[in-house]
N, C-alpha and C. Protein backbone atom coordinates (compact mmCIF):
# COMPACT_ATOMS: atom_id res chain seq x y z
N UNK A 1 93.35 64.50 -29.87
CA UNK A 1 93.84 64.64 -28.54
C UNK A 1 93.03 63.34 -28.02
N UNK A 2 94.16 63.05 -26.66
CA UNK A 2 93.44 61.64 -26.23
C UNK A 2 93.52 62.30 -24.60
N UNK A 3 92.78 61.81 -23.51
CA UNK A 3 92.94 62.52 -23.02
C UNK A 3 91.43 61.82 -21.63
N UNK A 4 92.26 62.06 -20.26
CA UNK A 4 90.88 61.37 -19.25
C UNK A 4 91.07 62.68 -17.90
N UNK A 5 90.30 63.07 -17.37
CA UNK A 5 89.61 63.59 -16.15
C UNK A 5 88.77 63.61 -15.60
N UNK A 6 89.18 63.48 -13.84
CA UNK A 6 88.63 62.96 -12.59
C UNK A 6 88.25 63.82 -11.81
N UNK A 7 87.31 63.85 -11.45
CA UNK A 7 87.19 65.40 -10.20
C UNK A 7 86.52 65.08 -9.40
N UNK A 8 86.05 64.95 -8.15
CA UNK A 8 85.76 64.61 -6.93
C UNK A 8 85.53 65.91 -6.21
N UNK A 9 84.37 65.75 -5.78
CA UNK A 9 84.52 67.43 -4.67
C UNK A 9 83.09 66.76 -3.42
N UNK A 10 83.72 67.37 -2.47
CA UNK A 10 82.33 67.23 -1.50
C UNK A 10 82.77 68.52 -0.47
N UNK A 11 81.54 69.04 0.08
CA UNK A 11 81.79 70.07 0.65
C UNK A 11 80.42 70.18 1.92
N UNK A 12 80.63 70.83 3.12
CA UNK A 12 79.66 71.34 3.34
C UNK A 12 79.94 72.94 3.78
N UNK A 13 78.20 73.41 3.27
CA UNK A 13 77.76 74.64 3.40
C UNK A 13 76.77 75.16 4.64
N UNK A 14 76.63 75.71 4.61
CA UNK A 14 76.36 76.63 5.65
C UNK A 14 76.63 77.70 6.80
N UNK A 15 76.06 78.02 7.70
CA UNK A 15 76.68 78.52 8.96
C UNK A 15 76.49 77.94 9.92
N UNK A 16 77.45 77.82 11.03
CA UNK A 16 78.14 76.92 11.85
C UNK A 16 76.65 77.88 13.19
N UNK A 17 77.03 78.86 13.21
CA UNK A 17 75.73 79.99 14.17
C UNK A 17 74.17 79.49 13.90
N UNK A 18 74.04 78.69 12.33
CA UNK A 18 72.49 78.54 12.25
C UNK A 18 72.30 77.32 11.14
N UNK A 19 72.63 76.32 12.09
CA UNK A 19 73.06 75.27 11.38
C UNK A 19 71.67 74.41 11.32
N UNK A 20 70.79 74.85 11.97
CA UNK A 20 69.41 74.67 12.11
C UNK A 20 68.41 75.21 10.54
N UNK A 21 69.33 76.18 10.37
CA UNK A 21 68.73 76.76 9.33
C UNK A 21 69.25 76.20 7.62
N UNK A 22 70.21 76.44 8.24
CA UNK A 22 71.08 76.28 6.39
C UNK A 22 72.05 75.42 6.72
N UNK A 23 72.05 73.97 6.36
CA UNK A 23 72.97 73.52 6.73
C UNK A 23 73.15 71.70 6.11
N UNK A 24 73.62 71.89 4.67
CA UNK A 24 73.64 70.65 3.81
C UNK A 24 75.45 70.17 3.03
N UNK A 25 75.12 68.96 2.95
CA UNK A 25 76.50 68.98 2.38
C UNK A 25 76.08 68.66 0.60
N UNK A 26 77.16 68.52 0.01
CA UNK A 26 77.29 68.25 -1.43
C UNK A 26 78.37 67.86 -1.65
N UNK A 27 77.86 66.98 -2.90
CA UNK A 27 79.20 65.63 -3.31
C UNK A 27 79.15 66.15 -4.57
N UNK A 28 80.04 66.19 -5.24
CA UNK A 28 80.09 66.06 -6.95
C UNK A 28 81.07 65.41 -7.86
N UNK A 29 80.88 65.10 -8.92
CA UNK A 29 81.68 63.96 -9.73
C UNK A 29 81.51 64.15 -10.83
N UNK A 30 82.84 64.41 -11.54
CA UNK A 30 82.89 65.05 -12.83
C UNK A 30 83.82 64.35 -13.64
N UNK A 31 83.58 63.01 -14.51
CA UNK A 31 84.25 62.60 -15.56
C UNK A 31 84.30 62.98 -16.86
N UNK A 32 85.44 62.86 -17.23
CA UNK A 32 85.51 63.30 -18.83
C UNK A 32 86.65 62.34 -19.55
N UNK A 33 85.91 61.73 -20.50
CA UNK A 33 86.98 61.20 -21.71
C UNK A 33 86.84 61.86 -23.50
N UNK A 34 88.19 61.99 -24.07
CA UNK A 34 88.63 62.39 -24.92
C UNK A 34 89.62 61.56 -25.95
N UNK A 35 88.83 61.37 -26.96
CA UNK A 35 89.92 60.35 -27.51
C UNK A 35 89.76 61.32 -29.33
N UNK A 36 90.93 61.36 -29.68
CA UNK A 36 91.10 61.54 -31.10
C UNK A 36 90.62 60.93 -32.46
N UNK A 37 89.79 61.60 -33.26
CA UNK A 37 89.43 60.53 -34.12
C UNK A 37 90.36 60.81 -35.31
N UNK A 38 90.14 62.22 -35.71
CA UNK A 38 91.18 62.11 -37.53
C UNK A 38 91.58 63.63 -37.44
N UNK A 39 92.92 63.86 -37.33
CA UNK A 39 93.50 65.10 -37.50
C UNK A 39 93.58 66.16 -36.16
N UNK A 40 92.26 67.42 -36.12
CA UNK A 40 92.41 68.01 -34.78
C UNK A 40 90.60 67.94 -34.05
N UNK A 41 90.14 66.50 -34.93
CA UNK A 41 89.00 66.11 -34.48
C UNK A 41 88.94 65.31 -33.52
N UNK A 42 88.15 65.28 -32.73
CA UNK A 42 88.21 64.50 -31.56
C UNK A 42 86.97 64.10 -31.15
N UNK A 43 86.41 62.65 -30.28
CA UNK A 43 85.33 62.62 -29.23
C UNK A 43 85.61 63.06 -27.75
N UNK A 44 84.55 63.41 -27.35
CA UNK A 44 84.08 63.86 -26.23
C UNK A 44 83.20 63.10 -25.44
N UNK A 45 83.60 62.64 -23.90
CA UNK A 45 82.21 62.13 -23.14
C UNK A 45 82.18 62.58 -21.87
N UNK A 46 81.35 63.21 -21.06
CA UNK A 46 81.42 63.78 -20.34
C UNK A 46 80.06 63.52 -18.97
N UNK A 47 80.17 63.13 -17.82
CA UNK A 47 79.45 63.00 -17.24
C UNK A 47 79.50 63.69 -15.71
N UNK A 48 78.52 64.38 -15.17
CA UNK A 48 78.48 65.64 -14.01
C UNK A 48 77.47 65.10 -13.39
N UNK A 49 77.62 64.91 -12.34
CA UNK A 49 76.59 64.36 -11.25
C UNK A 49 76.66 65.25 -9.68
N UNK A 50 75.53 65.52 -9.07
CA UNK A 50 75.87 66.35 -8.13
C UNK A 50 75.11 65.32 -6.92
N UNK A 51 75.14 65.09 -5.77
CA UNK A 51 74.46 64.17 -4.82
C UNK A 51 74.43 65.37 -3.45
N UNK A 52 73.04 65.92 -3.09
CA UNK A 52 72.67 66.83 -1.82
C UNK A 52 72.19 66.02 -0.96
N UNK A 53 72.60 66.63 0.91
CA UNK A 53 71.32 66.11 1.88
C UNK A 53 71.16 67.23 2.61
N UNK A 54 70.60 66.94 3.34
CA UNK A 54 70.17 67.57 4.62
C UNK A 54 69.20 68.66 3.96
N UNK A 55 68.29 69.55 4.34
CA UNK A 55 67.34 70.71 4.06
C UNK A 55 67.37 71.67 4.77
N UNK A 56 67.32 72.86 4.20
CA UNK A 56 66.80 73.26 2.65
C UNK A 56 67.76 73.81 1.86
N UNK A 57 68.29 72.89 1.07
CA UNK A 57 69.19 73.61 -0.49
C UNK A 57 68.50 75.22 -1.00
N UNK A 58 69.16 75.66 -0.66
CA UNK A 58 69.01 77.48 -1.75
C UNK A 58 69.15 76.66 -3.18
N UNK A 59 67.96 77.79 -3.96
CA UNK A 59 67.94 77.37 -5.79
C UNK A 59 69.28 77.71 -6.10
N UNK A 60 70.45 78.30 -5.99
CA UNK A 60 71.22 78.58 -6.41
C UNK A 60 72.26 77.59 -6.38
N UNK A 61 72.05 76.68 -5.32
CA UNK A 61 73.05 75.46 -5.54
C UNK A 61 72.15 74.41 -5.84
N UNK A 62 71.36 73.93 -6.64
CA UNK A 62 70.79 73.36 -6.84
C UNK A 62 71.28 73.04 -8.58
N UNK A 63 70.98 71.83 -9.08
CA UNK A 63 71.54 71.43 -10.63
C UNK A 63 70.63 71.38 -11.44
N UNK A 64 70.72 71.93 -12.58
CA UNK A 64 69.35 71.97 -14.12
C UNK A 64 70.02 71.70 -15.16
N UNK A 65 68.95 70.94 -16.18
CA UNK A 65 69.45 70.58 -17.20
C UNK A 65 68.63 71.54 -17.93
N UNK A 66 69.34 71.42 -19.14
CA UNK A 66 69.04 72.59 -19.78
C UNK A 66 68.92 73.92 -19.38
N UNK A 67 68.63 74.89 -19.76
CA UNK A 67 67.87 76.50 -19.52
C UNK A 67 67.39 76.43 -18.46
N UNK A 68 68.19 77.21 -17.70
CA UNK A 68 67.23 76.97 -16.01
C UNK A 68 66.57 78.49 -15.55
């Protein structure tokens, strides 16, 4: 299986009536590549990145590496 996936996301999070308490932007980039090696065996590469700005960012919107 050969393939490529590219996904770019930009979102504003928060409430208009409480923008001083919770108002932040987040952007995500997801890039994946798949290369067939032999038979049903494939090699996959993935890069997923998220960038946020403004404060505070709720814990459920944070990104973690491994078990969180």
